[in-house]
């Protein structure tokens, strides 16, 4: 996966060289970037290219011109784009600002800020596309714009970008579950949670923290308490009466989900809320309880985990919050 590879490189960027070589089976971050860059002209997915640019800048790969040209080409295309992918592109532009000679970062920031709903304080899932589920946004549609706009505000001093990032962060923190769950689907019209499950480990220990830490470092509000609650759920999820951190397997299992056929609940809740923002499919917690563990993990989880918790931050957090 080009996408997972790029995120892994971003996470590994701050690690010891010998450790990185061990993880990459003898390769360096630069040799991996060279393979990513080689055929980038044929890549059609904006998110894959944006993450590749971000990774190349983060590990200081010297030959980034082709990656940047392809990113600019894809951003300029008049097509519907997922908010997540636009956010990754803005984050890449913030990391690698000296290569952004065409003002790509400013254009992306304005596009994201324009998409933000002042009424609901959330972002849409896709820009430029309508569907029967276009009122549904997901957690990723919140955290990646918060992260990208916070970094942009930190670099440029753009107060509007910081204000929007803070409003969205405030909304997801208000909606956080009583046990610290970061919920999955939101109503773009109201900001209410449409369906909470699955609850993903990566949301709890990586994506939530990376966004909220970026906001604080840009001069925004401090949501450390929400980060702490999210981590506490990972240590003990009441839905399963256990932790997703499996010391014997040396893994963090992916999520807690409902016992249901396919993705029935999220589609049912999307259809109900489409009829009326207040309407929900009744009795799902009883009929389809959230007790299933997804016994897998994915490389991008560990990449974002390393990115969110560089050694200095992890040590400081450990000393002030936990005795782990």
C-alpha atoms as a PDB file:
ATOM      1  CA  UNK A   1       0.000   0.000   0.000  1.00  0.00           C
ATOM      2  CA  UNK A   2       1.457   3.316  -1.102  1.00  0.00           C
ATOM      3  CA  UNK A   3      -0.695   5.076   1.482  1.00  0.00           C
ATOM      4  CA  UNK A   4       0.306   2.886   4.408  1.00  0.00           C
ATOM      5  CA  UNK A   5       3.954   3.034   3.351  1.00  0.00           C
ATOM      6  CA  UNK A   6       3.913   6.838   3.345  1.00  0.00           C
ATOM      7  CA  UNK A   7       2.282   7.001   6.788  1.00  0.00           C
ATOM      8  CA  UNK A   8       4.812   4.507   8.137  1.00  0.00           C
ATOM      9  CA  UNK A   9       7.624   6.719   6.813  1.00  0.00           C
ATOM     10  CA  UNK A  10       6.093   9.760   8.498  1.00  0.00           C
ATOM     11  CA  UNK A  11       6.031   7.876  11.787  1.00  0.00           C
ATOM     12  CA  UNK A  12       9.566   6.568  11.364  1.00  0.00           C
ATOM     13  CA  UNK A  13      11.046   9.954  10.442  1.00  0.00           C
ATOM     14  CA  UNK A  14      12.084  10.774  13.988  1.00  0.00           C
ATOM     15  CA  UNK A  15      13.427   7.341  14.881  1.00  0.00           C
ATOM     16  CA  UNK A  16      17.026   6.115  15.090  1.00  0.00           C
ATOM     17  CA  UNK A  17      18.534   5.245  11.679  1.00  0.00           C
ATOM     18  CA  UNK A  18      19.519   1.716  12.621  1.00  0.00           C
ATOM     19  CA  UNK A  19      16.065   1.032  14.000  1.00  0.00           C
ATOM     20  CA  UNK A  20      14.528   2.359  10.778  1.00  0.00           C
ATOM     21  CA  UNK A  21      16.756   0.067   8.709  1.00  0.00           C
ATOM     22  CA  UNK A  22      15.615  -2.871  10.811  1.00  0.00           C
ATOM     23  CA  UNK A  23      11.951  -1.971  10.340  1.00  0.00           C
ATOM     24  CA  UNK A  24      12.438  -1.480   6.579  1.00  0.00           C
ATOM     25  CA  UNK A  25      14.457  -4.696   6.169  1.00  0.00           C
ATOM     26  CA  UNK A  26      17.698  -2.923   5.291  1.00  0.00           C
ATOM     27  CA  UNK A  27      16.219  -0.043   3.320  1.00  0.00           C
ATOM     28  CA  UNK A  28      16.410   3.618   4.279  1.00  0.00           C
ATOM     29  CA  UNK A  29      13.559   6.090   4.214  1.00  0.00           C
ATOM     30  CA  UNK A  30      15.138   7.660   1.122  1.00  0.00           C
ATOM     31  CA  UNK A  31      15.250   4.427  -0.859  1.00  0.00           C
ATOM     32  CA  UNK A  32      11.600   3.801  -0.059  1.00  0.00           C
ATOM     33  CA  UNK A  33      10.754   7.378  -1.127  1.00  0.00           C
ATOM     34  CA  UNK A  34      12.609   6.788  -4.386  1.00  0.00           C
ATOM     35  CA  UNK A  35      10.322   3.851  -5.169  1.00  0.00           C
ATOM     36  CA  UNK A  36       7.245   5.893  -4.261  1.00  0.00           C
ATOM     37  CA  UNK A  37       8.404   8.782  -6.458  1.00  0.00           C
ATOM     38  CA  UNK A  38       9.333   6.652  -9.464  1.00  0.00           C
ATOM     39  CA  UNK A  39       5.810   6.051 -10.821  1.00  0.00           C
ATOM     40  CA  UNK A  40       3.910   8.888  -9.134  1.00  0.00           C
ATOM     41  CA  UNK A  41       2.851  10.345 -12.507  1.00  0.00           C
ATOM     42  CA  UNK A  42       0.491   7.383 -12.913  1.00  0.00           C
ATOM     43  CA  UNK A  43      -1.091   7.683  -9.461  1.00  0.00           C
ATOM     44  CA  UNK A  44      -4.632   9.067  -9.633  1.00  0.00           C
ATOM     45  CA  UNK A  45      -5.465   9.110  -5.933  1.00  0.00           C
ATOM     46  CA  UNK A  46      -4.921  12.517  -4.323  1.00  0.00           C
ATOM     47  CA  UNK A  47      -4.547  11.039  -0.844  1.00  0.00           C
ATOM     48  CA  UNK A  48      -1.775   8.662  -1.894  1.00  0.00           C
ATOM     49  CA  UNK A  49       0.165  11.470  -3.563  1.00  0.00           C
ATOM     50  CA  UNK A  50      -0.388  13.909  -0.691  1.00  0.00           C
ATOM     51  CA  UNK A  51       0.915  11.425   1.867  1.00  0.00           C
ATOM     52  CA  UNK A  52       3.877  10.648  -0.391  1.00  0.00           C
ATOM     53  CA  UNK A  53       4.758  14.356  -0.550  1.00  0.00           C
ATOM     54  CA  UNK A  54       4.332  14.655   3.212  1.00  0.00           C
ATOM     55  CA  UNK A  55       6.572  11.634   3.849  1.00  0.00           C
ATOM     56  CA  UNK A  56       9.239  12.805   1.382  1.00  0.00           C
ATOM     57  CA  UNK A  57       9.379  16.211   3.026  1.00  0.00           C
ATOM     58  CA  UNK A  58       9.398  14.759   6.513  1.00  0.00           C
ATOM     59  CA  UNK A  59      12.380  12.482   5.826  1.00  0.00           C
ATOM     60  CA  UNK A  60      14.077  15.183   3.698  1.00  0.00           C
ATOM     61  CA  UNK A  61      14.169  13.148   0.506  1.00  0.00           C
ATOM     62  CA  UNK A  62      16.020  15.469  -1.931  1.00  0.00           C
ATOM     63  CA  UNK A  63      14.266  14.780  -5.267  1.00  0.00           C
ATOM     64  CA  UNK A  64      10.732  15.876  -4.470  1.00  0.00           C
ATOM     65  CA  UNK A  65       9.943  17.876  -7.602  1.00  0.00           C
ATOM     66  CA  UNK A  66       7.994  15.159  -9.408  1.00  0.00           C
ATOM     67  CA  UNK A  67       5.931  14.420  -6.307  1.00  0.00           C
ATOM     68  CA  UNK A  68       5.055  18.090  -5.910  1.00  0.00           C
ATOM     69  CA  UNK A  69       4.106  18.503  -9.574  1.00  0.00           C
ATOM     70  CA  UNK A  70       1.757  15.545  -9.381  1.00  0.00           C
ATOM     71  CA  UNK A  71       0.180  16.863  -6.192  1.00  0.00           C
ATOM     72  CA  UNK A  72      -0.454  20.234  -7.797  1.00  0.00           C
ATOM     73  CA  UNK A  73      -1.984  18.573 -10.879  1.00  0.00           C
ATOM     74  CA  UNK A  74      -4.426  16.525  -8.834  1.00  0.00           C
ATOM     75  CA  UNK A  75      -5.444  19.400  -6.578  1.00  0.00           C
ATOM     76  CA  UNK A  76      -6.167  21.587  -9.607  1.00  0.00           C
ATOM     77  CA  UNK A  77      -8.508  19.013 -11.195  1.00  0.00           C
ATOM     78  CA  UNK A  78     -12.141  20.035 -10.911  1.00  0.00           C
ATOM     79  CA  UNK A  79     -13.340  16.871  -9.191  1.00  0.00           C
ATOM     80  CA  UNK A  80     -15.072  15.877  -5.986  1.00  0.00           C
ATOM     81  CA  UNK A  81     -12.441  15.338  -3.308  1.00  0.00           C
ATOM     82  CA  UNK A  82     -12.616  13.724   0.144  1.00  0.00           C
ATOM     83  CA  UNK A  83     -11.926  16.198   2.932  1.00  0.00           C
ATOM     84  CA  UNK A  84      -9.399  13.758   4.408  1.00  0.00           C
ATOM     85  CA  UNK A  85      -7.300  13.812   1.231  1.00  0.00           C
ATOM     86  CA  UNK A  86      -7.402  17.609   0.967  1.00  0.00           C
ATOM     87  CA  UNK A  87      -6.297  17.782   4.591  1.00  0.00           C
ATOM     88  CA  UNK A  88      -3.360  15.491   3.927  1.00  0.00           C
ATOM     89  CA  UNK A  89      -2.389  17.697   0.998  1.00  0.00           C
ATOM     90  CA  UNK A  90      -2.461  20.792   3.219  1.00  0.00           C
ATOM     91  CA  UNK A  91      -0.425  19.001   5.884  1.00  0.00           C
ATOM     92  CA  UNK A  92       2.130  18.087   3.217  1.00  0.00           C
ATOM     93  CA  UNK A  93       2.322  21.699   2.066  1.00  0.00           C
ATOM     94  CA  UNK A  94       2.927  22.818   5.646  1.00  0.00           C
ATOM     95  CA  UNK A  95       5.766  20.317   6.105  1.00  0.00           C
ATOM     96  CA  UNK A  96       7.435  21.219   2.822  1.00  0.00           C
ATOM     97  CA  UNK A  97       6.702  24.902   2.421  1.00  0.00           C
ATOM     98  CA  UNK A  98       9.828  25.795   0.446  1.00  0.00           C
ATOM     99  CA  UNK A  99       8.598  23.630  -2.433  1.00  0.00           C
ATOM    100  CA  UNK A 100       5.172  25.303  -2.445  1.00  0.00           C
ATOM    101  CA  UNK A 101       5.976  28.010  -4.988  1.00  0.00           C
ATOM    102  CA  UNK A 102       2.431  28.133  -6.418  1.00  0.00           C
ATOM    103  CA  UNK A 103       0.640  28.832  -3.123  1.00  0.00           C
ATOM    104  CA  UNK A 104      -0.923  25.380  -2.948  1.00  0.00           C
ATOM    105  CA  UNK A 105      -1.153  25.476   0.840  1.00  0.00           C
ATOM    106  CA  UNK A 106      -3.114  28.725   0.871  1.00  0.00           C
ATOM    107  CA  UNK A 107      -5.567  27.414  -1.735  1.00  0.00           C
ATOM    108  CA  UNK A 108      -6.113  24.190   0.172  1.00  0.00           C
ATOM    109  CA  UNK A 109      -6.590  25.993   3.484  1.00  0.00           C
ATOM    110  CA  UNK A 110      -9.239  28.264   1.968  1.00  0.00           C
ATOM    111  CA  UNK A 111     -11.003  25.299   0.401  1.00  0.00           C
ATOM    112  CA  UNK A 112     -11.170  23.475   3.719  1.00  0.00           C
ATOM    113  CA  UNK A 113     -12.262  26.542   5.660  1.00  0.00           C
ATOM    114  CA  UNK A 114     -15.021  27.245   3.131  1.00  0.00           C
ATOM    115  CA  UNK A 115     -16.335  23.689   3.545  1.00  0.00           C
ATOM    116  CA  UNK A 116     -16.641  24.010   7.329  1.00  0.00           C
ATOM    117  CA  UNK A 117     -20.182  24.316   8.688  1.00  0.00           C
ATOM    118  CA  UNK A 118     -20.460  27.116  11.221  1.00  0.00           C
ATOM    119  CA  UNK A 119     -23.860  25.763  12.199  1.00  0.00           C
ATOM    120  CA  UNK A 120     -22.775  22.215  13.055  1.00  0.00           C
ATOM    121  CA  UNK A 121     -19.024  22.809  13.644  1.00  0.00           C
ATOM    122  CA  UNK A 122     -18.083  19.783  11.507  1.00  0.00           C
ATOM    123  CA  UNK A 123     -16.662  19.197   8.041  1.00  0.00           C
ATOM    124  CA  UNK A 124     -18.337  17.279   5.216  1.00  0.00           C
ATOM    125  CA  UNK A 125     -17.080  13.914   4.006  1.00  0.00           C
ATOM    126  CA  UNK A 126     -16.605  14.897   0.367  1.00  0.00           C
ATOM    127  CA  UNK A 127     -16.440  18.297  -1.341  1.00  0.00           C
ATOM    128  CA  UNK A 128     -18.363  18.619  -4.587  1.00  0.00           C
ATOM    129  CA  UNK A 129     -20.468  15.468  -4.432  1.00  0.00           C
ATOM    130  CA  UNK A 130     -24.047  14.863  -3.317  1.00  0.00           C
ATOM    131  CA  UNK A 131     -25.481  11.464  -2.380  1.00  0.00           C
ATOM    132  CA  UNK A 132     -28.034   9.846  -0.103  1.00  0.00           C
ATOM    133  CA  UNK A 133     -25.337   9.742   2.592  1.00  0.00           C
ATOM    134  CA  UNK A 134     -23.832  13.177   1.959  1.00  0.00           C
ATOM    135  CA  UNK A 135     -25.066  14.363   5.366  1.00  0.00           C
ATOM    136  CA  UNK A 136     -22.806  11.781   7.063  1.00  0.00           C
ATOM    137  CA  UNK A 137     -19.289  12.730   8.099  1.00  0.00           C
ATOM    138  CA  UNK A 138     -16.843  10.509   9.929  1.00  0.00           C
ATOM    139  CA  UNK A 139     -14.295  11.049  12.671  1.00  0.00           C
ATOM    140  CA  UNK A 140     -11.441  11.212  10.158  1.00  0.00           C
ATOM    141  CA  UNK A 141     -13.237  14.129   8.469  1.00  0.00           C
ATOM    142  CA  UNK A 142     -12.771  16.057  11.711  1.00  0.00           C
ATOM    143  CA  UNK A 143      -9.298  15.175  12.953  1.00  0.00           C
ATOM    144  CA  UNK A 144      -7.316  15.577   9.740  1.00  0.00           C
ATOM    145  CA  UNK A 145      -8.681  19.089   9.008  1.00  0.00           C
ATOM    146  CA  UNK A 146      -8.062  20.062  12.656  1.00  0.00           C
ATOM    147  CA  UNK A 147      -4.479  18.874  12.311  1.00  0.00           C
ATOM    148  CA  UNK A 148      -3.838  20.470   8.914  1.00  0.00           C
ATOM    149  CA  UNK A 149      -5.466  23.833   9.665  1.00  0.00           C
ATOM    150  CA  UNK A 150      -3.679  24.013  13.024  1.00  0.00           C
ATOM    151  CA  UNK A 151      -0.328  23.488  11.320  1.00  0.00           C
ATOM    152  CA  UNK A 152      -1.251  26.043   8.673  1.00  0.00           C
ATOM    153  CA  UNK A 153      -2.222  28.566  11.352  1.00  0.00           C
ATOM    154  CA  UNK A 154       1.015  27.947  13.213  1.00  0.00           C
ATOM    155  CA  UNK A 155       3.028  28.638  10.047  1.00  0.00           C
ATOM    156  CA  UNK A 156       1.086  31.615   8.727  1.00  0.00           C
ATOM    157  CA  UNK A 157      -0.634  33.155  11.731  1.00  0.00           C
ATOM    158  CA  UNK A 158      -4.028  32.682  10.037  1.00  0.00           C
ATOM    159  CA  UNK A 159      -6.493  33.265  12.892  1.00  0.00           C
ATOM    160  CA  UNK A 160      -9.501  32.024  10.909  1.00  0.00           C
ATOM    161  CA  UNK A 161      -7.830  28.661  10.329  1.00  0.00           C
ATOM    162  CA  UNK A 162      -7.096  28.302  14.036  1.00  0.00           C
ATOM    163  CA  UNK A 163     -10.628  29.346  15.016  1.00  0.00           C
ATOM    164  CA  UNK A 164     -12.216  26.774  12.709  1.00  0.00           C
ATOM    165  CA  UNK A 165      -9.878  24.020  13.915  1.00  0.00           C
ATOM    166  CA  UNK A 166     -10.727  24.899  17.526  1.00  0.00           C
ATOM    167  CA  UNK A 167     -14.493  24.900  16.897  1.00  0.00           C
ATOM    168  CA  UNK A 168     -14.355  21.464  15.299  1.00  0.00           C
ATOM    169  CA  UNK A 169     -12.183  20.141  18.124  1.00  0.00           C
ATOM    170  CA  UNK A 170     -14.619  21.517  20.676  1.00  0.00           C
ATOM    171  CA  UNK A 171     -17.485  19.728  18.915  1.00  0.00           C
ATOM    172  CA  UNK A 172     -15.887  16.278  18.826  1.00  0.00           C
ATOM    173  CA  UNK A 173     -14.752  16.659  22.434  1.00  0.00           C
ATOM    174  CA  UNK A 174     -18.285  17.587  23.497  1.00  0.00           C
ATOM    175  CA  UNK A 175     -19.545  14.482  21.719  1.00  0.00           C
ATOM    176  CA  UNK A 176     -16.897  12.164  23.199  1.00  0.00           C
ATOM    177  CA  UNK A 177     -18.361   9.108  24.922  1.00  0.00           C
ATOM    178  CA  UNK A 178     -18.612   8.843  28.695  1.00  0.00           C
ATOM    179  CA  UNK A 179     -15.842   6.220  28.727  1.00  0.00           C
ATOM    180  CA  UNK A 180     -13.676   8.221  26.333  1.00  0.00           C
ATOM    181  CA  UNK A 181     -14.886   6.800  23.022  1.00  0.00           C
ATOM    182  CA  UNK A 182     -14.228   8.837  19.886  1.00  0.00           C
ATOM    183  CA  UNK A 183     -17.404   8.170  17.920  1.00  0.00           C
ATOM    184  CA  UNK A 184     -17.446   7.287  14.236  1.00  0.00           C
ATOM    185  CA  UNK A 185     -20.281   8.970  12.254  1.00  0.00           C
ATOM    186  CA  UNK A 186     -21.656  12.520  12.629  1.00  0.00           C
ATOM    187  CA  UNK A 187     -24.487  14.470  11.037  1.00  0.00           C
ATOM    188  CA  UNK A 188     -22.913  17.212   8.954  1.00  0.00           C
ATOM    189  CA  UNK A 189     -26.078  19.310   9.335  1.00  0.00           C
ATOM    190  CA  UNK A 190     -26.222  19.287  13.148  1.00  0.00           C
ATOM    191  CA  UNK A 191     -22.933  17.880  14.475  1.00  0.00           C
ATOM    192  CA  UNK A 192     -24.789  15.128  16.353  1.00  0.00           C
ATOM    193  CA  UNK A 193     -23.514  11.560  16.442  1.00  0.00           C
ATOM    194  CA  UNK A 194     -25.390   9.345  13.993  1.00  0.00           C
ATOM    195  CA  UNK A 195     -23.662   6.067  14.846  1.00  0.00           C
ATOM    196  CA  UNK A 196     -20.866   5.619  17.353  1.00  0.00           C
ATOM    197  CA  UNK A 197     -19.486   2.213  16.408  1.00  0.00           C
ATOM    198  CA  UNK A 198     -17.040   0.877  15.499  1.00  0.00           C
ATOM    199  CA  UNK A 199     -14.694   2.571  17.971  1.00  0.00           C
ATOM    200  CA  UNK A 200     -11.186   2.291  16.534  1.00  0.00           C
ATOM    201  CA  UNK A 201      -7.978   2.005  18.532  1.00  0.00           C
ATOM    202  CA  UNK A 202      -6.228   4.354  16.103  1.00  0.00           C
ATOM    203  CA  UNK A 203      -8.750   7.081  16.920  1.00  0.00           C
ATOM    204  CA  UNK A 204      -8.055   6.723  20.625  1.00  0.00           C
ATOM    205  CA  UNK A 205      -4.260   6.642  20.699  1.00  0.00           C
ATOM    206  CA  UNK A 206      -3.139   8.292  17.463  1.00  0.00           C
ATOM    207  CA  UNK A 207      -5.573  10.313  15.331  1.00  0.00           C
ATOM    208  CA  UNK A 208      -7.268  12.138  18.192  1.00  0.00           C
ATOM    209  CA  UNK A 209      -3.986  13.028  19.889  1.00  0.00           C
ATOM    210  CA  UNK A 210      -2.183  14.099  16.693  1.00  0.00           C
ATOM    211  CA  UNK A 211      -4.971  16.558  15.882  1.00  0.00           C
ATOM    212  CA  UNK A 212      -5.461  17.953  19.385  1.00  0.00           C
ATOM    213  CA  UNK A 213      -1.733  18.269  20.057  1.00  0.00           C
ATOM    214  CA  UNK A 214      -1.320  20.200  16.777  1.00  0.00           C
ATOM    215  CA  UNK A 215      -4.136  22.541  17.816  1.00  0.00           C
ATOM    216  CA  UNK A 216      -2.559  23.264  21.187  1.00  0.00           C
ATOM    217  CA  UNK A 217       0.883  23.848  19.656  1.00  0.00           C
ATOM    218  CA  UNK A 218      -0.643  26.340  17.224  1.00  0.00           C
ATOM    219  CA  UNK A 219      -1.971  28.415  20.130  1.00  0.00           C
ATOM    220  CA  UNK A 220      -5.417  26.834  20.329  1.00  0.00           C
ATOM    221  CA  UNK A 221      -7.214  25.396  23.371  1.00  0.00           C
ATOM    222  CA  UNK A 222      -5.822  22.513  25.396  1.00  0.00           C
ATOM    223  CA  UNK A 223      -7.867  19.312  25.129  1.00  0.00           C
ATOM    224  CA  UNK A 224      -5.472  17.116  27.105  1.00  0.00           C
ATOM    225  CA  UNK A 225      -8.322  15.828  29.254  1.00  0.00           C
ATOM    226  CA  UNK A 226     -10.097  14.484  26.159  1.00  0.00           C
ATOM    227  CA  UNK A 227      -6.878  12.813  25.006  1.00  0.00           C
ATOM    228  CA  UNK A 228      -6.513  11.244  28.444  1.00  0.00           C
ATOM    229  CA  UNK A 229     -10.084   9.915  28.355  1.00  0.00           C
ATOM    230  CA  UNK A 230      -9.504   8.439  24.920  1.00  0.00           C
ATOM    231  CA  UNK A 231      -6.444   6.565  26.130  1.00  0.00           C
ATOM    232  CA  UNK A 232      -8.304   5.308  29.175  1.00  0.00           C
ATOM    233  CA  UNK A 233     -10.906   3.669  26.923  1.00  0.00           C
ATOM    234  CA  UNK A 234      -8.110   1.891  25.079  1.00  0.00           C
ATOM    235  CA  UNK A 235      -6.772   0.531  28.376  1.00  0.00           C
ATOM    236  CA  UNK A 236     -10.232  -0.630  29.406  1.00  0.00           C
ATOM    237  CA  UNK A 237     -13.151  -0.697  26.984  1.00  0.00           C
ATOM    238  CA  UNK A 238     -16.357  -1.276  28.998  1.00  0.00           C
ATOM    239  CA  UNK A 239     -18.110  -2.730  25.947  1.00  0.00           C
ATOM    240  CA  UNK A 240     -15.831  -5.793  26.100  1.00  0.00           C
ATOM    241  CA  UNK A 241     -14.677  -5.557  29.718  1.00  0.00           C
ATOM    242  CA  UNK A 242     -11.057  -5.659  28.584  1.00  0.00           C
ATOM    243  CA  UNK A 243      -8.321  -3.791  26.740  1.00  0.00           C
ATOM    244  CA  UNK A 244      -7.536  -3.795  23.034  1.00  0.00           C
ATOM    245  CA  UNK A 245      -3.848  -3.750  23.989  1.00  0.00           C
ATOM    246  CA  UNK A 246      -2.754  -7.380  23.822  1.00  0.00           C
ATOM    247  CA  UNK A 247       0.621  -7.845  25.495  1.00  0.00           C
ATOM    248  CA  UNK A 248       0.865 -11.519  24.561  1.00  0.00           C
ATOM    249  CA  UNK A 249       0.322 -10.854  20.877  1.00  0.00           C
ATOM    250  CA  UNK A 250       2.345  -7.600  21.021  1.00  0.00           C
ATOM    251  CA  UNK A 251      -0.459  -5.853  19.143  1.00  0.00           C
ATOM    252  CA  UNK A 252      -3.208  -3.310  19.620  1.00  0.00           C
ATOM    253  CA  UNK A 253      -6.344  -4.822  18.121  1.00  0.00           C
ATOM    254  CA  UNK A 254      -8.112  -2.653  15.592  1.00  0.00           C
ATOM    255  CA  UNK A 255     -11.594  -1.896  16.930  1.00  0.00           C
ATOM    256  CA  UNK A 256     -14.670  -2.733  18.964  1.00  0.00           C
ATOM    257  CA  UNK A 257     -17.701  -3.141  16.718  1.00  0.00           C
ATOM    258  CA  UNK A 258     -21.281  -4.270  16.793  1.00  0.00           C
ATOM    259  CA  UNK A 259     -22.200  -7.901  16.252  1.00  0.00           C
ATOM    260  CA  UNK A 260     -24.095  -7.295  13.034  1.00  0.00           C
ATOM    261  CA  UNK A 261     -24.367  -8.441   9.419  1.00  0.00           C
ATOM    262  CA  UNK A 262     -22.119  -6.307   7.237  1.00  0.00           C
ATOM    263  CA  UNK A 263     -22.418  -2.617   8.046  1.00  0.00           C
ATOM    264  CA  UNK A 264     -26.131  -2.748   8.737  1.00  0.00           C
ATOM    265  CA  UNK A 265     -26.314  -0.260  11.608  1.00  0.00           C
ATOM    266  CA  UNK A 266     -24.409   2.581   9.966  1.00  0.00           C
ATOM    267  CA  UNK A 267     -26.497   2.304   6.809  1.00  0.00           C
ATOM    268  CA  UNK A 268     -29.725   2.060   8.791  1.00  0.00           C
ATOM    269  CA  UNK A 269     -28.814   5.063  10.931  1.00  0.00           C
ATOM    270  CA  UNK A 270     -27.775   7.048   7.862  1.00  0.00           C
ATOM    271  CA  UNK A 271     -31.123   6.291   6.202  1.00  0.00           C
ATOM    272  CA  UNK A 272     -33.114   7.173   9.325  1.00  0.00           C
ATOM    273  CA  UNK A 273     -31.259  10.429   9.931  1.00  0.00           C
ATOM    274  CA  UNK A 274     -31.671  11.321   6.261  1.00  0.00           C
ATOM    275  CA  UNK A 275     -35.426  11.417   6.826  1.00  0.00           C
ATOM    276  CA  UNK A 276     -35.049  13.560   9.942  1.00  0.00           C
ATOM    277  CA  UNK A 277     -31.879  14.684  11.783  1.00  0.00           C
ATOM    278  CA  UNK A 278     -33.379  13.511  15.091  1.00  0.00           C
ATOM    279  CA  UNK A 279     -34.507  10.094  13.845  1.00  0.00           C
ATOM    280  CA  UNK A 280     -32.486   6.960  14.721  1.00  0.00           C
ATOM    281  CA  UNK A 281     -32.976   3.248  14.133  1.00  0.00           C
ATOM    282  CA  UNK A 282     -34.310   2.060  17.529  1.00  0.00           C
ATOM    283  CA  UNK A 283     -32.891  -0.539  19.886  1.00  0.00           C
ATOM    284  CA  UNK A 284     -29.553  -1.118  18.185  1.00  0.00           C
ATOM    285  CA  UNK A 285     -27.551  -1.390  21.426  1.00  0.00           C
ATOM    286  CA  UNK A 286     -29.813  -4.238  22.569  1.00  0.00           C
ATOM    287  CA  UNK A 287     -30.277  -5.966  19.224  1.00  0.00           C
ATOM    288  CA  UNK A 288     -26.737  -5.450  17.931  1.00  0.00           C
ATOM    289  CA  UNK A 289     -24.473  -4.921  20.948  1.00  0.00           C
ATOM    290  CA  UNK A 290     -20.942  -3.520  20.439  1.00  0.00           C
ATOM    291  CA  UNK A 291     -18.983  -6.499  21.744  1.00  0.00           C
ATOM    292  CA  UNK A 292     -17.017  -7.755  18.744  1.00  0.00           C
ATOM    293  CA  UNK A 293     -13.231  -7.303  18.625  1.00  0.00           C
ATOM    294  CA  UNK A 294     -11.553  -6.923  15.241  1.00  0.00           C
ATOM    295  CA  UNK A 295      -8.433  -9.040  15.633  1.00  0.00           C
ATOM    296  CA  UNK A 296      -6.131  -7.219  13.242  1.00  0.00           C
ATOM    297  CA  UNK A 297      -3.983  -4.117  13.116  1.00  0.00           C
ATOM    298  CA  UNK A 298      -2.683  -2.076  10.185  1.00  0.00           C
ATOM    299  CA  UNK A 299       0.660  -0.333   9.529  1.00  0.00           C
ATOM    300  CA  UNK A 300      -0.863   3.139   9.288  1.00  0.00           C
ATOM    301  CA  UNK A 301      -2.045   2.824  12.891  1.00  0.00           C
ATOM    302  CA  UNK A 302       1.512   2.362  14.097  1.00  0.00           C
ATOM    303  CA  UNK A 303       2.774   5.112  11.766  1.00  0.00           C
ATOM    304  CA  UNK A 304       0.338   7.666  13.159  1.00  0.00           C
ATOM    305  CA  UNK A 305       1.016   6.399  16.684  1.00  0.00           C
ATOM    306  CA  UNK A 306       4.721   7.199  16.306  1.00  0.00           C
ATOM    307  CA  UNK A 307       3.913  10.559  14.723  1.00  0.00           C
ATOM    308  CA  UNK A 308       1.482  11.524  17.489  1.00  0.00           C
ATOM    309  CA  UNK A 309       3.831  10.443  20.274  1.00  0.00           C
ATOM    310  CA  UNK A 310       7.462  11.361  19.582  1.00  0.00           C
ATOM    311  CA  UNK A 311       9.720  10.254  22.419  1.00  0.00           C
ATOM    312  CA  UNK A 312       9.918  13.622  24.170  1.00  0.00           C
ATOM    313  CA  UNK A 313       6.139  14.078  24.170  1.00  0.00           C
ATOM    314  CA  UNK A 314       5.480  10.509  25.304  1.00  0.00           C
ATOM    315  CA  UNK A 315       7.941  10.842  28.188  1.00  0.00           C
ATOM    316  CA  UNK A 316       6.498  14.166  29.301  1.00  0.00           C
ATOM    317  CA  UNK A 317       2.946  12.817  29.084  1.00  0.00           C
ATOM    318  CA  UNK A 318       3.869   9.664  30.987  1.00  0.00           C
ATOM    319  CA  UNK A 319       5.430  11.633  33.810  1.00  0.00           C
ATOM    320  CA  UNK A 320       2.531  14.056  34.145  1.00  0.00           C
ATOM    321  CA  UNK A 321      -0.463  11.789  33.448  1.00  0.00           C
ATOM    322  CA  UNK A 322       0.283   8.132  34.013  1.00  0.00           C
ATOM    323  CA  UNK A 323       2.636   5.674  35.564  1.00  0.00           C
ATOM    324  CA  UNK A 324       2.557   3.119  32.762  1.00  0.00           C
END
